Amino acid sequence: MAVSIVGASGFGLIIGSLTKILENWHRETTARSRKLSMIQTFIRKKRLPRTLKVRLMRYFRHYIAKTSTFDERELLCEFSLSLRGEILHETYKNTFFRIPAFKRLSFQFVLDMAMFIKPLIVVNGDVLAKEGCVGTEMFILNTGIIEVRRTAPENTDWIVVLEILTERGVFGEVSLLEYAPHANSYTAKATSDLFTLPKEDFDHLIEEYPDAEHAMIDYHNERSAIKR
């Protein structure tokens, strides 16, 4: 009898979670349509060149297709810890969990970090971080191309391209570790999908996983030594 009660209550929790998912899905579909309509109205009203309007429309369509209009983290918290872990692992197993920079981190830390990441979409020419400016987030490149450049020390009019980052590249970690200005500038050279991890969320995570901070510092120091 007790087993039946536990089974029924567990089933009820699953049904409750699924009901909330469907409600959120319906709200998201409605919100996407409303947002797309607002974007179309915005673009029509602006006196912009036709080519720029086309670029904007393509960007927003891509953006809406890749992002959620509701809080995924809030929804994930509805599930049990083990089920949440399975969902996150299946969602990011071919992207987030294959990033070389994270191999030195514990699996559980990476799993928890996946709860805090936020999607970001940029187009060719967008600057994600500027040399000399203090950042507030780390960037994780999913797909696309990011150019890493720096002002030449012998001549401030010269720009040196240090590296071209492709999928699974990580940059901006200095913002999380030292709150120091960026040593380089990072510019998108194609439409790129990224994840970002804000500093306040990273600080919250390392309270539980202090070893992760040391691992990220080692990674940053190794990268900095290569670029010198």
Protein backbone atom coordinates (compact mmCIF):
# COMPACT_ATOMS: atom_id res chain seq x y z
CA MET A 1 0.00 0.00 0.00
CA ALA A 2 2.81 2.38 0.93
CA VAL A 3 4.55 1.61 -2.35
CA SER A 4 1.35 2.43 -4.23
CA ILE A 5 1.03 5.75 -2.43
CA VAL A 6 4.65 6.68 -3.14
CA GLY A 7 4.27 5.64 -6.76
CA ALA A 8 1.08 7.63 -7.16
CA SER A 9 2.58 10.72 -5.53
CA GLY A 10 5.67 10.45 -7.73
CA PHE A 11 3.50 10.13 -10.82
CA GLY A 12 1.52 13.15 -9.66
CA LEU A 13 4.71 15.21 -9.40
CA ILE A 14 5.72 14.23 -12.94
CA ILE A 15 2.27 15.09 -14.30
CA GLY A 16 2.37 18.41 -12.44
CA SER A 17 5.76 19.24 -13.96
CA LEU A 18 4.60 18.26 -17.45
CA THR A 19 1.50 20.42 -17.05
CA LYS A 20 3.69 23.37 -16.13
CA ILE A 21 5.93 22.68 -19.15
CA LEU A 22 2.92 22.73 -21.48
CA GLU A 23 1.64 25.94 -19.91
CA ASN A 24 5.07 27.54 -20.32
CA TRP A 25 5.29 26.28 -23.90
CA HIS A 26 1.94 27.89 -24.73
CA ARG A 27 3.03 31.17 -23.12
CA GLU A 28 6.35 31.02 -24.96
CA THR A 29 4.65 30.48 -28.34
CA THR A 30 2.38 33.46 -27.71
CA ALA A 31 5.30 35.60 -26.51
CA ARG A 32 7.40 34.68 -29.56
CA SER A 33 4.61 35.74 -31.93
CA ARG A 34 4.12 38.99 -30.03
CA LYS A 35 7.85 39.73 -30.00
CA LEU A 36 8.22 39.01 -33.72
CA SER A 37 5.28 41.33 -34.47
CA MET A 38 6.89 44.09 -32.37
CA ILE A 39 10.20 43.62 -34.20
CA GLN A 40 8.51 43.83 -37.60
CA THR A 41 6.74 47.04 -36.55
CA PHE A 42 9.99 48.50 -35.20
CA ILE A 43 11.86 47.76 -38.44
CA ARG A 44 9.06 49.17 -40.62
CA LYS A 45 8.99 52.46 -38.68
CA LYS A 46 12.74 53.06 -38.78
CA ARG A 47 14.10 54.82 -41.82
CA LEU A 48 16.90 52.38 -42.44
CA PRO A 49 18.46 51.13 -45.68
CA ARG A 50 16.71 48.04 -47.02
CA THR A 51 19.86 45.94 -46.67
CA LEU A 52 20.10 46.83 -42.97
CA LYS A 53 16.42 46.02 -42.43
CA VAL A 54 16.95 42.59 -44.00
CA ARG A 55 19.97 41.98 -41.74
CA LEU A 56 18.00 43.02 -38.66
CA MET A 57 15.09 40.75 -39.55
CA ARG A 58 17.39 37.79 -40.14
CA TYR A 59 19.14 38.47 -36.85
CA PHE A 60 15.93 38.65 -34.84
CA ARG A 61 14.48 35.52 -36.46
CA HIS A 62 17.68 33.67 -35.58
CA TYR A 63 17.64 35.12 -32.07
CA ILE A 64 14.04 34.18 -31.36
CA ALA A 65 14.57 30.66 -32.71
CA LYS A 66 17.58 30.12 -30.45
CA THR A 67 16.37 31.63 -27.18
CA SER A 68 13.52 31.08 -24.74
CA THR A 69 11.04 33.72 -23.68
CA PHE A 70 10.56 32.13 -20.26
CA ASP A 71 12.97 31.39 -17.42
CA GLU A 72 14.36 27.92 -18.14
CA ARG A 73 16.22 27.86 -14.84
CA GLU A 74 12.99 28.37 -12.92
CA LEU A 75 11.38 25.53 -14.85
CA LEU A 76 14.32 23.17 -14.26
CA CYS A 77 14.05 23.78 -10.53
CA GLU A 78 10.65 22.08 -10.67
CA PHE A 79 12.38 18.74 -11.31
CA SER A 80 14.28 16.52 -8.90
CA LEU A 81 18.05 16.99 -8.70
CA SER A 82 18.78 13.75 -10.57
CA LEU A 83 16.22 14.41 -13.33
CA ARG A 84 17.48 17.98 -13.69
CA GLY A 85 21.03 16.67 -14.08
CA GLU A 86 19.95 14.25 -16.81
CA ILE A 87 18.11 17.00 -18.69
CA LEU A 88 21.10 19.37 -18.55
CA HIS A 89 23.53 16.64 -19.58
CA GLU A 90 21.39 15.59 -22.56
CA THR A 91 20.86 19.21 -23.58
CA TYR A 92 24.52 20.22 -23.51
CA LYS A 93 26.41 16.93 -23.91
CA ASN A 94 27.60 17.81 -27.43
CA THR A 95 28.45 21.43 -26.65
CA PHE A 96 28.95 22.66 -23.10
CA PHE A 97 30.30 19.38 -21.69
CA ARG A 98 32.86 18.96 -24.50
CA ILE A 99 34.64 22.27 -23.97
CA PRO A 100 38.36 21.57 -23.36
CA ALA A 101 38.65 24.34 -20.76
CA PHE A 102 36.11 22.56 -18.55
CA LYS A 103 37.79 19.16 -18.56
CA ARG A 104 39.84 20.13 -15.51
CA LEU A 105 36.66 20.99 -13.60
CA SER A 106 34.52 18.50 -11.70
CA PHE A 107 31.54 17.11 -13.59
CA GLN A 108 29.15 18.29 -10.87
CA PHE A 109 30.50 21.85 -11.05
CA VAL A 110 30.00 21.93 -14.83
CA LEU A 111 26.51 20.51 -14.37
CA ASP A 112 25.63 23.21 -11.85
CA MET A 113 27.22 25.88 -14.03
CA ALA A 114 24.91 24.82 -16.87
CA MET A 115 22.00 26.08 -14.74
CA PHE A 116 23.36 29.63 -14.86
CA ILE A 117 24.54 30.05 -18.45
CA LYS A 118 22.63 32.40 -20.73
CA PRO A 119 22.44 32.28 -24.54
CA LEU A 120 23.91 35.10 -26.61
CA ILE A 121 23.76 35.58 -30.37
CA VAL A 122 26.04 38.03 -32.21
CA VAL A 123 26.54 38.89 -35.87
CA ASN A 124 29.61 39.69 -37.93
CA GLY A 125 31.31 42.82 -36.60
CA ASP A 126 29.82 42.77 -33.10
CA VAL A 127 32.37 43.49 -30.36
CA LEU A 128 31.88 41.30 -27.31
CA ALA A 129 34.68 42.70 -25.16
CA LYS A 130 37.10 45.62 -25.58
CA GLU A 131 40.75 45.78 -24.63
CA GLY A 132 41.16 47.79 -21.44
CA CYS A 133 37.52 47.48 -20.35
CA VAL A 134 36.44 45.52 -17.29
CA GLY A 135 33.97 42.77 -18.13
CA THR A 136 31.27 41.15 -16.04
CA GLU A 137 30.93 37.75 -17.72
CA MET A 138 32.74 34.83 -19.30
CA PHE A 139 31.96 33.79 -22.88
CA ILE A 140 31.68 30.22 -24.18
CA LEU A 141 31.60 29.92 -27.97
CA ASN A 142 29.19 27.27 -29.21
CA THR A 143 29.31 27.94 -32.96
CA GLY A 144 30.83 30.76 -35.00
CA ILE A 145 34.11 32.65 -35.28
CA ILE A 146 35.60 35.16 -32.83
CA GLU A 147 38.75 37.17 -33.60
CA VAL A 148 41.10 37.98 -30.71
CA ARG A 149 43.13 41.16 -31.23
CA ARG A 150 45.36 43.47 -29.22
CA THR A 151 47.00 46.87 -29.70
CA ALA A 152 50.69 46.51 -30.59
CA PRO A 153 52.85 47.75 -27.67
CA GLU A 154 55.37 49.41 -29.99
CA ASN A 155 52.72 51.34 -31.94
CA THR A 156 49.19 52.02 -30.71
CA ASP A 157 48.02 52.47 -34.32
CA TRP A 158 48.78 48.82 -35.05
CA ILE A 159 46.40 45.99 -34.24
CA VAL A 160 47.75 42.46 -33.82
CA VAL A 161 45.46 39.47 -34.41
CA LEU A 162 46.43 36.94 -31.75
CA GLU A 163 43.99 34.11 -32.30
CA ILE A 164 40.86 32.98 -34.11
CA LEU A 165 38.44 31.17 -31.82
CA THR A 166 36.00 28.62 -33.19
CA GLU A 167 33.50 26.32 -31.51
CA ARG A 168 34.09 25.41 -27.85
CA GLY A 169 36.43 28.33 -27.27
CA VAL A 170 36.31 30.14 -23.93
CA PHE A 171 37.30 33.75 -23.27
CA GLY A 172 36.73 36.57 -20.82
CA GLU A 173 37.43 34.34 -17.81
CA VAL A 174 39.62 37.11 -16.33
CA SER A 175 36.38 39.00 -15.59
CA LEU A 176 35.29 36.20 -13.27
CA LEU A 177 38.63 35.61 -11.60
CA GLU A 178 40.25 39.00 -11.07
CA TYR A 179 37.75 41.68 -12.08
CA ALA A 180 40.60 43.00 -14.23
CA PRO A 181 40.36 44.77 -17.60
CA HIS A 182 40.47 42.66 -20.74
CA ALA A 183 43.95 42.36 -22.25
CA ASN A 184 42.41 41.78 -25.70
CA SER A 185 39.42 42.72 -27.80
CA TYR A 186 37.01 40.05 -29.08
CA THR A 187 35.06 40.61 -32.30
CA ALA A 188 32.62 38.30 -34.08
CA LYS A 189 33.66 37.48 -37.65
CA ALA A 190 30.44 35.58 -38.40
CA THR A 191 27.03 35.01 -36.84
CA SER A 192 27.91 33.19 -33.63
CA ASP A 193 26.02 31.41 -30.86
CA LEU A 194 27.53 31.69 -27.41
CA PHE A 195 26.78 31.07 -23.76
CA THR A 196 27.64 33.63 -21.09
CA LEU A 197 28.25 33.13 -17.38
CA PRO A 198 27.82 36.31 -15.29
CA LYS A 199 30.35 36.99 -12.53
CA GLU A 200 27.75 37.04 -9.76
CA ASP A 201 26.63 33.52 -10.69
CA PHE A 202 30.23 32.28 -10.90
CA ASP A 203 30.93 33.75 -7.44
CA HIS A 204 27.91 31.90 -6.09
CA LEU A 205 29.14 28.61 -7.61
CA ILE A 206 32.70 28.80 -6.29
CA GLU A 207 31.40 29.19 -2.76
CA GLU A 208 30.40 25.54 -3.09
CA TYR A 209 33.29 24.51 -5.36
CA PRO A 210 36.42 26.48 -4.31
CA ASP A 211 38.70 24.13 -6.27
CA ALA A 212 37.00 25.24 -9.48
CA GLU A 213 38.38 28.77 -9.07
CA HIS A 214 41.95 27.46 -8.83
CA ALA A 215 41.42 25.31 -11.94
CA MET A 216 40.13 28.31 -13.90
CA ILE A 217 43.06 30.46 -12.73
CA ASP A 218 45.48 27.79 -13.99
CA TYR A 219 43.65 27.71 -17.33
CA HIS A 220 43.77 31.51 -17.65
CA ASN A 221 47.49 31.66 -16.78
CA GLU A 222 48.29 28.98 -19.37
CA ARG A 223 46.37 30.86 -22.07
CA SER A 224 48.02 34.17 -21.15
CA ALA A 225 51.50 32.61 -21.33
CA ILE A 226 50.82 31.28 -24.84
CA LYS A 227 49.67 34.70 -26.12
CA ARG A 228 52.69 36.63 -24.85
